[in-house]
Amino acid sequence: MPDQLTGVFVAEKKDHTIYYRASMTCNQKHISLGSFDSSDKAHKAYLEGCLLFHSPNVLIADYTNSDVLPFDKWVSICNFRDNRIYICNPIYIRPKFFYYYLAKNHALIFDIDDLFYYSSHKIMQRKGHLFVADYGMQVNILNRYGIKNYGVCPRDFRFVNGDSNDFRYENIEIINRYNGVQKITEFGHTYYLTKIHLHGDYIIGRYHTEDQAAIAYNKAIDILKGNGCRKNFVSNYLEGLSPSVYADIYHGVTISDKIVHFNS
């Protein structure tokens, strides 16, 4: 049997298929480099990883498809080399923010305060939406900013600097915070339009303030349930309003007759 190549370890799958794992140790940190179908590829991954770690002039942008290492691992090693922090996810840390690489030419920017979260939550893409797996569920990363799953840019939120990859908190402006509420500005005048979906969108009303619009949505839900509607609507939660102020607004807002007389 030939001598085992440096950094290569033979492993066996449940069906007894042989494969090869590569790993290296740098600064007393053991780093797994991936699994490969041949010992030669695994050894090349080991050599590539060692060269990358000891070559400060080699950058993330230098990665090519001909490299044996997976791109995610390339980013992790570059970050470990430059910042002395090893993170399994493809994160590269800067002084006040970090990059999360979805691909070589596609990186998201986050505040450094989010580093712990994204170090342990891998970002996935599905139909243009960005998710993480959290407690067994797919959670839209926009939820961390108080944006609903169905939030649409720029109707419900916007990126202040125009960069849709920049998820730093100062760059996220929430326009519509509540279910069914849309901020409308026409001819220099701003009002809040409230709608609810019942076999199509029904207008509940137009209101002067966002709080009125959000509470009108809740009131419409109560009316519909009283009329026998069984649809499971999600009410708006208004933080900071006392029960008495909420009640005053609730009783004062008017609701469209189409909602009041809706027959389920």
C-alpha atoms as a PDB file:
ATOM      1  CA  MET A   1       0.000   0.000   0.000  1.00  0.00           C
ATOM      2  CA  PRO A   2       1.529   3.378  -0.952  1.00  0.00           C
ATOM      3  CA  ASP A   3       2.474   5.888   1.735  1.00  0.00           C
ATOM      4  CA  GLN A   4      -0.353   8.172   2.785  1.00  0.00           C
ATOM      5  CA  LEU A   5      -0.118  11.664   1.325  1.00  0.00           C
ATOM      6  CA  THR A   6       0.316  14.553   3.745  1.00  0.00           C
ATOM      7  CA  GLY A   7      -2.949  16.072   4.867  1.00  0.00           C
ATOM      8  CA  VAL A   8      -5.030  13.244   3.379  1.00  0.00           C
ATOM      9  CA  PHE A   9      -7.181  10.804   5.334  1.00  0.00           C
ATOM     10  CA  VAL A  10      -9.046   7.823   3.935  1.00  0.00           C
ATOM     11  CA  ALA A  11     -12.716   7.499   4.882  1.00  0.00           C
ATOM     12  CA  GLU A  12     -15.566   5.142   4.037  1.00  0.00           C
ATOM     13  CA  LYS A  13     -19.227   5.871   3.353  1.00  0.00           C
ATOM     14  CA  LYS A  14     -22.084   3.701   4.618  1.00  0.00           C
ATOM     15  CA  ASP A  15     -22.177   1.918   1.273  1.00  0.00           C
ATOM     16  CA  HIS A  16     -18.435   1.146   1.717  1.00  0.00           C
ATOM     17  CA  THR A  17     -17.380   3.634  -0.980  1.00  0.00           C
ATOM     18  CA  ILE A  18     -13.931   5.025  -0.262  1.00  0.00           C
ATOM     19  CA  TYR A  19     -13.361   8.790  -0.297  1.00  0.00           C
ATOM     20  CA  TYR A  20     -10.611  11.115   0.907  1.00  0.00           C
ATOM     21  CA  ARG A  21     -10.702  13.947   3.398  1.00  0.00           C
ATOM     22  CA  ALA A  22      -8.178  16.772   3.417  1.00  0.00           C
ATOM     23  CA  SER A  23      -7.226  18.898   6.401  1.00  0.00           C
ATOM     24  CA  MET A  24      -4.407  21.089   7.642  1.00  0.00           C
ATOM     25  CA  THR A  25      -3.243  22.618  10.925  1.00  0.00           C
ATOM     26  CA  CYS A  26      -2.248  26.292  11.080  1.00  0.00           C
ATOM     27  CA  ASN A  27      -1.552  28.299  14.237  1.00  0.00           C
ATOM     28  CA  GLN A  28      -2.694  25.275  16.256  1.00  0.00           C
ATOM     29  CA  LYS A  29      -6.054  25.341  14.464  1.00  0.00           C
ATOM     30  CA  HIS A  30      -7.203  22.161  12.722  1.00  0.00           C
ATOM     31  CA  ILE A  31      -9.035  23.059   9.504  1.00  0.00           C
ATOM     32  CA  SER A  32     -11.068  20.611   7.456  1.00  0.00           C
ATOM     33  CA  LEU A  33     -10.659  21.324   3.738  1.00  0.00           C
ATOM     34  CA  GLY A  34     -13.345  19.069   2.312  1.00  0.00           C
ATOM     35  CA  SER A  35     -13.928  15.608   0.870  1.00  0.00           C
ATOM     36  CA  PHE A  36     -12.660  14.398  -2.505  1.00  0.00           C
ATOM     37  CA  ASP A  37     -13.018  11.370  -4.727  1.00  0.00           C
ATOM     38  CA  SER A  38      -9.268  10.827  -5.070  1.00  0.00           C
ATOM     39  CA  SER A  39      -6.252  11.086  -2.806  1.00  0.00           C
ATOM     40  CA  ASP A  40      -4.533  13.253  -5.423  1.00  0.00           C
ATOM     41  CA  LYS A  41      -7.265  15.918  -5.307  1.00  0.00           C
ATOM     42  CA  ALA A  42      -7.308  15.821  -1.514  1.00  0.00           C
ATOM     43  CA  HIS A  43      -3.524  16.318  -1.416  1.00  0.00           C
ATOM     44  CA  LYS A  44      -3.757  19.209  -3.879  1.00  0.00           C
ATOM     45  CA  ALA A  45      -6.392  20.809  -1.631  1.00  0.00           C
ATOM     46  CA  TYR A  46      -4.000  20.448   1.305  1.00  0.00           C
ATOM     47  CA  LEU A  47      -1.121  22.059  -0.624  1.00  0.00           C
ATOM     48  CA  GLU A  48      -3.407  24.818  -1.883  1.00  0.00           C
ATOM     49  CA  GLY A  49      -4.690  25.554   1.603  1.00  0.00           C
ATOM     50  CA  CYS A  50      -1.190  25.740   3.059  1.00  0.00           C
ATOM     51  CA  LEU A  51       0.017  27.987   0.226  1.00  0.00           C
ATOM     52  CA  LEU A  52      -2.987  30.290   0.644  1.00  0.00           C
ATOM     53  CA  PHE A  53      -2.469  30.607   4.386  1.00  0.00           C
ATOM     54  CA  HIS A  54       1.217  31.502   3.984  1.00  0.00           C
ATOM     55  CA  SER A  55       0.715  33.877   1.018  1.00  0.00           C
ATOM     56  CA  PRO A  56      -0.674  37.230   2.260  1.00  0.00           C
ATOM     57  CA  ASN A  57      -0.603  38.674  -1.263  1.00  0.00           C
ATOM     58  CA  VAL A  58      -3.129  36.101  -2.525  1.00  0.00           C
ATOM     59  CA  LEU A  59      -6.621  37.572  -2.283  1.00  0.00           C
ATOM     60  CA  ILE A  60     -10.185  36.290  -2.372  1.00  0.00           C
ATOM     61  CA  ALA A  61     -10.481  37.830  -5.849  1.00  0.00           C
ATOM     62  CA  ASP A  62      -7.670  35.566  -7.062  1.00  0.00           C
ATOM     63  CA  TYR A  63      -9.809  32.440  -6.738  1.00  0.00           C
ATOM     64  CA  THR A  64     -10.448  30.585 -10.014  1.00  0.00           C
ATOM     65  CA  ASN A  65     -12.581  27.607 -10.950  1.00  0.00           C
ATOM     66  CA  SER A  66      -9.400  25.618 -11.519  1.00  0.00           C
ATOM     67  CA  ASP A  67      -8.559  25.773  -7.819  1.00  0.00           C
ATOM     68  CA  VAL A  68      -9.218  22.560  -5.926  1.00  0.00           C
ATOM     69  CA  LEU A  69     -10.454  24.166  -2.718  1.00  0.00           C
ATOM     70  CA  PRO A  70     -14.152  25.091  -2.556  1.00  0.00           C
ATOM     71  CA  PHE A  71     -14.643  28.860  -2.719  1.00  0.00           C
ATOM     72  CA  ASP A  72     -16.231  29.002   0.761  1.00  0.00           C
ATOM     73  CA  LYS A  73     -13.115  27.393   2.220  1.00  0.00           C
ATOM     74  CA  TRP A  74     -10.871  29.802   0.295  1.00  0.00           C
ATOM     75  CA  VAL A  75     -12.656  32.754   1.962  1.00  0.00           C
ATOM     76  CA  SER A  76     -12.448  31.151   5.405  1.00  0.00           C
ATOM     77  CA  ILE A  77      -8.707  30.582   5.115  1.00  0.00           C
ATOM     78  CA  CYS A  78      -8.083  34.124   3.861  1.00  0.00           C
ATOM     79  CA  ASN A  79     -10.023  35.488   6.825  1.00  0.00           C
ATOM     80  CA  PHE A  80      -8.155  33.243   9.276  1.00  0.00           C
ATOM     81  CA  ARG A  81      -4.816  34.268   7.753  1.00  0.00           C
ATOM     82  CA  ASP A  82      -5.547  37.998   7.874  1.00  0.00           C
ATOM     83  CA  ASN A  83      -7.750  38.314  10.973  1.00  0.00           C
ATOM     84  CA  ARG A  84      -6.722  35.293  13.066  1.00  0.00           C
ATOM     85  CA  ILE A  85     -10.359  34.223  13.424  1.00  0.00           C
ATOM     86  CA  TYR A  86     -11.515  31.009  11.773  1.00  0.00           C
ATOM     87  CA  ILE A  87     -15.156  31.002  10.638  1.00  0.00           C
ATOM     88  CA  CYS A  88     -16.640  28.116   8.657  1.00  0.00           C
ATOM     89  CA  ASN A  89     -19.014  30.357   6.704  1.00  0.00           C
ATOM     90  CA  PRO A  90     -17.551  32.458   3.841  1.00  0.00           C
ATOM     91  CA  ILE A  91     -16.987  35.608   5.907  1.00  0.00           C
ATOM     92  CA  TYR A  92     -14.185  38.141   5.609  1.00  0.00           C
ATOM     93  CA  ILE A  93     -13.914  40.676   8.434  1.00  0.00           C
ATOM     94  CA  ARG A  94     -13.149  44.358   8.032  1.00  0.00           C
ATOM     95  CA  PRO A  95     -12.678  46.866  10.933  1.00  0.00           C
ATOM     96  CA  LYS A  96     -16.352  47.912  11.284  1.00  0.00           C
ATOM     97  CA  PHE A  97     -18.197  45.478   9.023  1.00  0.00           C
ATOM     98  CA  PHE A  98     -17.794  42.143   7.283  1.00  0.00           C
ATOM     99  CA  TYR A  99     -18.433  40.583   3.907  1.00  0.00           C
ATOM    100  CA  TYR A 100     -20.507  37.435   3.520  1.00  0.00           C
ATOM    101  CA  TYR A 101     -19.687  35.886   0.146  1.00  0.00           C
ATOM    102  CA  LEU A 102     -22.462  34.149  -1.772  1.00  0.00           C
ATOM    103  CA  ALA A 103     -20.101  33.843  -4.765  1.00  0.00           C
ATOM    104  CA  LYS A 104     -16.759  35.277  -5.829  1.00  0.00           C
ATOM    105  CA  ASN A 105     -18.388  38.381  -7.310  1.00  0.00           C
ATOM    106  CA  HIS A 106     -21.347  38.584  -4.938  1.00  0.00           C
ATOM    107  CA  ALA A 107     -20.753  39.654  -1.346  1.00  0.00           C
ATOM    108  CA  LEU A 108     -23.226  40.995   1.206  1.00  0.00           C
ATOM    109  CA  ILE A 109     -22.142  43.628   3.733  1.00  0.00           C
ATOM    110  CA  PHE A 110     -23.194  43.441   7.393  1.00  0.00           C
ATOM    111  CA  ASP A 111     -22.451  45.387  10.567  1.00  0.00           C
ATOM    112  CA  ILE A 112     -19.832  43.810  12.798  1.00  0.00           C
ATOM    113  CA  ASP A 113     -22.559  43.396  15.466  1.00  0.00           C
ATOM    114  CA  ASP A 114     -24.086  40.662  13.264  1.00  0.00           C
ATOM    115  CA  LEU A 115     -20.862  38.647  13.068  1.00  0.00           C
ATOM    116  CA  PHE A 116     -21.782  36.145  15.769  1.00  0.00           C
ATOM    117  CA  TYR A 117     -25.165  35.426  14.174  1.00  0.00           C
ATOM    118  CA  TYR A 118     -23.909  34.874  10.633  1.00  0.00           C
ATOM    119  CA  SER A 119     -20.894  32.911  11.823  1.00  0.00           C
ATOM    120  CA  SER A 120     -23.334  30.187  12.839  1.00  0.00           C
ATOM    121  CA  HIS A 121     -26.129  30.723  10.282  1.00  0.00           C
ATOM    122  CA  LYS A 122     -25.471  29.953   6.635  1.00  0.00           C
ATOM    123  CA  ILE A 123     -27.229  32.222   4.138  1.00  0.00           C
ATOM    124  CA  MET A 124     -29.179  30.507   1.347  1.00  0.00           C
ATOM    125  CA  GLN A 125     -30.869  31.906  -1.748  1.00  0.00           C
ATOM    126  CA  ARG A 126     -34.286  30.952  -3.113  1.00  0.00           C
ATOM    127  CA  LYS A 127     -35.987  32.848  -5.936  1.00  0.00           C
ATOM    128  CA  GLY A 128     -34.052  35.995  -5.148  1.00  0.00           C
ATOM    129  CA  HIS A 129     -34.791  35.861  -1.404  1.00  0.00           C
ATOM    130  CA  LEU A 130     -32.108  35.387   1.245  1.00  0.00           C
ATOM    131  CA  PHE A 131     -32.744  32.981   4.118  1.00  0.00           C
ATOM    132  CA  VAL A 132     -31.033  31.330   7.049  1.00  0.00           C
ATOM    133  CA  ALA A 133     -32.016  28.104   8.760  1.00  0.00           C
ATOM    134  CA  ASP A 134     -33.093  28.998  12.297  1.00  0.00           C
ATOM    135  CA  TYR A 135     -34.653  26.450  14.668  1.00  0.00           C
ATOM    136  CA  GLY A 136     -35.580  24.238  11.723  1.00  0.00           C
ATOM    137  CA  MET A 137     -37.281  27.007   9.738  1.00  0.00           C
ATOM    138  CA  GLN A 138     -36.163  29.143   6.802  1.00  0.00           C
ATOM    139  CA  VAL A 139     -36.079  32.733   8.065  1.00  0.00           C
ATOM    140  CA  ASN A 140     -35.795  35.704   5.715  1.00  0.00           C
ATOM    141  CA  ILE A 141     -32.788  37.816   6.748  1.00  0.00           C
ATOM    142  CA  LEU A 142     -34.930  40.951   6.306  1.00  0.00           C
ATOM    143  CA  ASN A 143     -36.867  39.897   9.413  1.00  0.00           C
ATOM    144  CA  ARG A 144     -33.889  41.027  11.497  1.00  0.00           C
ATOM    145  CA  TYR A 145     -34.676  44.593  10.443  1.00  0.00           C
ATOM    146  CA  GLY A 146     -38.400  44.364  11.214  1.00  0.00           C
ATOM    147  CA  ILE A 147     -39.312  43.865   7.546  1.00  0.00           C
ATOM    148  CA  LYS A 148     -42.115  41.415   6.785  1.00  0.00           C
ATOM    149  CA  ASN A 149     -41.537  38.357   4.592  1.00  0.00           C
ATOM    150  CA  TYR A 150     -43.572  39.901   1.810  1.00  0.00           C
ATOM    151  CA  GLY A 151     -41.800  43.287   2.077  1.00  0.00           C
ATOM    152  CA  VAL A 152     -41.024  44.776  -1.339  1.00  0.00           C
ATOM    153  CA  CYS A 153     -38.184  47.178  -2.112  1.00  0.00           C
ATOM    154  CA  PRO A 154     -38.631  50.149  -2.507  1.00  0.00           C
ATOM    155  CA  ARG A 155     -42.315  50.112  -1.495  1.00  0.00           C
ATOM    156  CA  ASP A 156     -41.840  48.784   2.059  1.00  0.00           C
ATOM    157  CA  PHE A 157     -38.144  49.456   2.623  1.00  0.00           C
ATOM    158  CA  ARG A 158     -35.167  50.849   0.756  1.00  0.00           C
ATOM    159  CA  PHE A 159     -31.385  50.754   0.720  1.00  0.00           C
ATOM    160  CA  VAL A 160     -30.296  54.303   1.518  1.00  0.00           C
ATOM    161  CA  ASN A 161     -27.132  54.219  -0.598  1.00  0.00           C
ATOM    162  CA  GLY A 162     -28.791  52.271  -3.418  1.00  0.00           C
ATOM    163  CA  ASP A 163     -26.678  49.148  -2.841  1.00  0.00           C
ATOM    164  CA  SER A 164     -29.001  46.168  -2.349  1.00  0.00           C
ATOM    165  CA  ASN A 165     -26.082  44.094  -1.032  1.00  0.00           C
ATOM    166  CA  ASP A 166     -25.408  46.477   1.868  1.00  0.00           C
ATOM    167  CA  PHE A 167     -27.335  45.208   4.888  1.00  0.00           C
ATOM    168  CA  ARG A 168     -25.771  47.506   7.473  1.00  0.00           C
ATOM    169  CA  TYR A 169     -28.470  48.897   9.754  1.00  0.00           C
ATOM    170  CA  GLU A 170     -27.803  52.499   8.788  1.00  0.00           C
ATOM    171  CA  ASN A 171     -28.460  51.555   5.156  1.00  0.00           C
ATOM    172  CA  ILE A 172     -31.894  49.989   5.730  1.00  0.00           C
ATOM    173  CA  GLU A 173     -34.810  52.408   5.862  1.00  0.00           C
ATOM    174  CA  ILE A 174     -38.180  50.885   6.714  1.00  0.00           C
ATOM    175  CA  ILE A 175     -41.042  52.634   4.940  1.00  0.00           C
ATOM    176  CA  ASN A 176     -43.994  50.375   5.781  1.00  0.00           C
ATOM    177  CA  ARG A 177     -43.716  48.576   9.120  1.00  0.00           C
ATOM    178  CA  TYR A 178     -47.181  47.142   9.489  1.00  0.00           C
ATOM    179  CA  ASN A 179     -49.352  44.520   7.838  1.00  0.00           C
ATOM    180  CA  GLY A 180     -51.635  45.994   5.208  1.00  0.00           C
ATOM    181  CA  VAL A 181     -50.229  49.523   5.509  1.00  0.00           C
ATOM    182  CA  GLN A 182     -48.617  51.456   2.666  1.00  0.00           C
ATOM    183  CA  LYS A 183     -47.178  54.952   2.866  1.00  0.00           C
ATOM    184  CA  ILE A 184     -48.314  57.087  -0.068  1.00  0.00           C
ATOM    185  CA  THR A 185     -46.935  60.488  -1.051  1.00  0.00           C
ATOM    186  CA  GLU A 186     -48.754  62.402  -3.759  1.00  0.00           C
ATOM    187  CA  PHE A 187     -48.385  66.080  -4.695  1.00  0.00           C
ATOM    188  CA  GLY A 188     -46.381  66.722  -1.532  1.00  0.00           C
ATOM    189  CA  HIS A 189     -49.027  65.172   0.720  1.00  0.00           C
ATOM    190  CA  THR A 190     -48.438  61.952   2.681  1.00  0.00           C
ATOM    191  CA  TYR A 191     -51.113  59.555   3.903  1.00  0.00           C
ATOM    192  CA  TYR A 192     -51.317  55.873   4.817  1.00  0.00           C
ATOM    193  CA  LEU A 193     -53.399  53.457   2.762  1.00  0.00           C
ATOM    194  CA  THR A 194     -54.627  50.303   4.480  1.00  0.00           C
ATOM    195  CA  LYS A 195     -55.688  47.215   2.545  1.00  0.00           C
ATOM    196  CA  ILE A 196     -56.648  43.674   3.425  1.00  0.00           C
ATOM    197  CA  HIS A 197     -56.680  40.633   1.162  1.00  0.00           C
ATOM    198  CA  LEU A 198     -60.064  38.923   0.745  1.00  0.00           C
ATOM    199  CA  HIS A 199     -60.251  37.163  -2.609  1.00  0.00           C
ATOM    200  CA  GLY A 200     -58.433  40.279  -3.809  1.00  0.00           C
ATOM    201  CA  ASP A 201     -57.367  43.499  -2.091  1.00  0.00           C
ATOM    202  CA  TYR A 202     -60.022  45.497  -0.253  1.00  0.00           C
ATOM    203  CA  ILE A 203     -59.285  49.063   0.796  1.00  0.00           C
ATOM    204  CA  ILE A 204     -59.979  49.575   4.501  1.00  0.00           C
ATOM    205  CA  GLY A 205     -59.345  53.309   4.413  1.00  0.00           C
ATOM    206  CA  ARG A 206     -56.888  56.185   4.147  1.00  0.00           C
ATOM    207  CA  TYR A 207     -55.427  57.637   7.340  1.00  0.00           C
ATOM    208  CA  HIS A 208     -53.322  60.579   8.503  1.00  0.00           C
ATOM    209  CA  THR A 209     -50.872  58.581  10.646  1.00  0.00           C
ATOM    210  CA  GLU A 210     -49.195  55.196  10.438  1.00  0.00           C
ATOM    211  CA  ASP A 211     -50.568  54.202  13.850  1.00  0.00           C
ATOM    212  CA  GLN A 212     -54.128  54.930  12.719  1.00  0.00           C
ATOM    213  CA  ALA A 213     -53.609  52.842   9.589  1.00  0.00           C
ATOM    214  CA  ALA A 214     -52.146  49.900  11.541  1.00  0.00           C
ATOM    215  CA  ILE A 215     -54.934  49.952  14.112  1.00  0.00           C
ATOM    216  CA  ALA A 216     -57.554  50.245  11.356  1.00  0.00           C
ATOM    217  CA  TYR A 217     -56.166  46.988   9.939  1.00  0.00           C
ATOM    218  CA  ASN A 218     -56.614  45.328  13.344  1.00  0.00           C
ATOM    219  CA  LYS A 219     -60.152  46.705  13.629  1.00  0.00           C
ATOM    220  CA  ALA A 220     -60.986  45.392  10.154  1.00  0.00           C
ATOM    221  CA  ILE A 221     -59.799  41.935  11.227  1.00  0.00           C
ATOM    222  CA  ASP A 222     -62.091  42.051  14.263  1.00  0.00           C
ATOM    223  CA  ILE A 223     -65.056  43.095  12.090  1.00  0.00           C
ATOM    224  CA  LEU A 224     -64.390  40.359   9.546  1.00  0.00           C
ATOM    225  CA  LYS A 225     -64.116  37.703  12.242  1.00  0.00           C
ATOM    226  CA  GLY A 226     -67.381  38.970  13.682  1.00  0.00           C
ATOM    227  CA  ASN A 227     -68.938  38.512  10.231  1.00  0.00           C
ATOM    228  CA  GLY A 228     -67.801  34.890  10.154  1.00  0.00           C
ATOM    229  CA  CYS A 229     -64.549  35.209   8.190  1.00  0.00           C
ATOM    230  CA  ARG A 230     -62.217  32.347   9.136  1.00  0.00           C
ATOM    231  CA  LYS A 231     -59.076  33.566   7.396  1.00  0.00           C
ATOM    232  CA  ASN A 232     -56.090  33.636   9.738  1.00  0.00           C
ATOM    233  CA  PHE A 233     -54.938  37.279   9.607  1.00  0.00           C
ATOM    234  CA  VAL A 234     -51.908  38.513  11.564  1.00  0.00           C
ATOM    235  CA  SER A 235     -52.700  41.612  13.627  1.00  0.00           C
ATOM    236  CA  ASN A 236     -50.315  44.532  13.936  1.00  0.00           C
ATOM    237  CA  TYR A 237     -48.433  45.017  17.185  1.00  0.00           C
ATOM    238  CA  LEU A 238     -47.803  48.667  18.037  1.00  0.00           C
ATOM    239  CA  GLU A 239     -44.994  49.015  20.503  1.00  0.00           C
ATOM    240  CA  GLY A 240     -45.092  51.988  22.868  1.00  0.00           C
ATOM    241  CA  LEU A 241     -48.828  52.745  22.732  1.00  0.00           C
ATOM    242  CA  SER A 242     -50.700  52.630  26.035  1.00  0.00           C
ATOM    243  CA  PRO A 243     -53.953  50.619  26.103  1.00  0.00           C
ATOM    244  CA  SER A 244     -55.987  53.804  26.521  1.00  0.00           C
ATOM    245  CA  VAL A 245     -54.373  55.545  23.526  1.00  0.00           C
ATOM    246  CA  TYR A 246     -54.791  52.387  21.436  1.00  0.00           C
ATOM    247  CA  ALA A 247     -58.474  52.181  22.420  1.00  0.00           C
ATOM    248  CA  ASP A 248     -59.081  55.838  21.540  1.00  0.00           C
ATOM    249  CA  ILE A 249     -57.565  55.380  18.069  1.00  0.00           C
ATOM    250  CA  TYR A 250     -59.367  52.032  17.602  1.00  0.00           C
ATOM    251  CA  HIS A 251     -62.803  53.528  18.287  1.00  0.00           C
ATOM    252  CA  GLY A 252     -62.058  56.657  16.257  1.00  0.00           C
ATOM    253  CA  VAL A 253     -60.872  55.140  12.957  1.00  0.00           C
ATOM    254  CA  THR A 254     -63.476  54.562  10.266  1.00  0.00           C
ATOM    255  CA  ILE A 255     -63.599  51.364   8.236  1.00  0.00           C
ATOM    256  CA  SER A 256     -64.829  50.984   4.668  1.00  0.00           C
ATOM    257  CA  ASP A 257     -68.458  49.851   4.348  1.00  0.00           C
ATOM    258  CA  LYS A 258     -67.245  47.041   2.086  1.00  0.00           C
ATOM    259  CA  ILE A 259     -65.397  45.594   5.060  1.00  0.00           C
ATOM    260  CA  VAL A 260     -68.160  46.325   7.578  1.00  0.00           C
ATOM    261  CA  HIS A 261     -70.744  44.541   5.419  1.00  0.00           C
ATOM    262  CA  PHE A 262     -68.463  41.827   4.044  1.00  0.00           C
ATOM    263  CA  ASN A 263     -70.226  38.477   3.915  1.00  0.00           C
ATOM    264  CA  SER A 264     -67.835  35.552   4.079  1.00  0.00           C
END
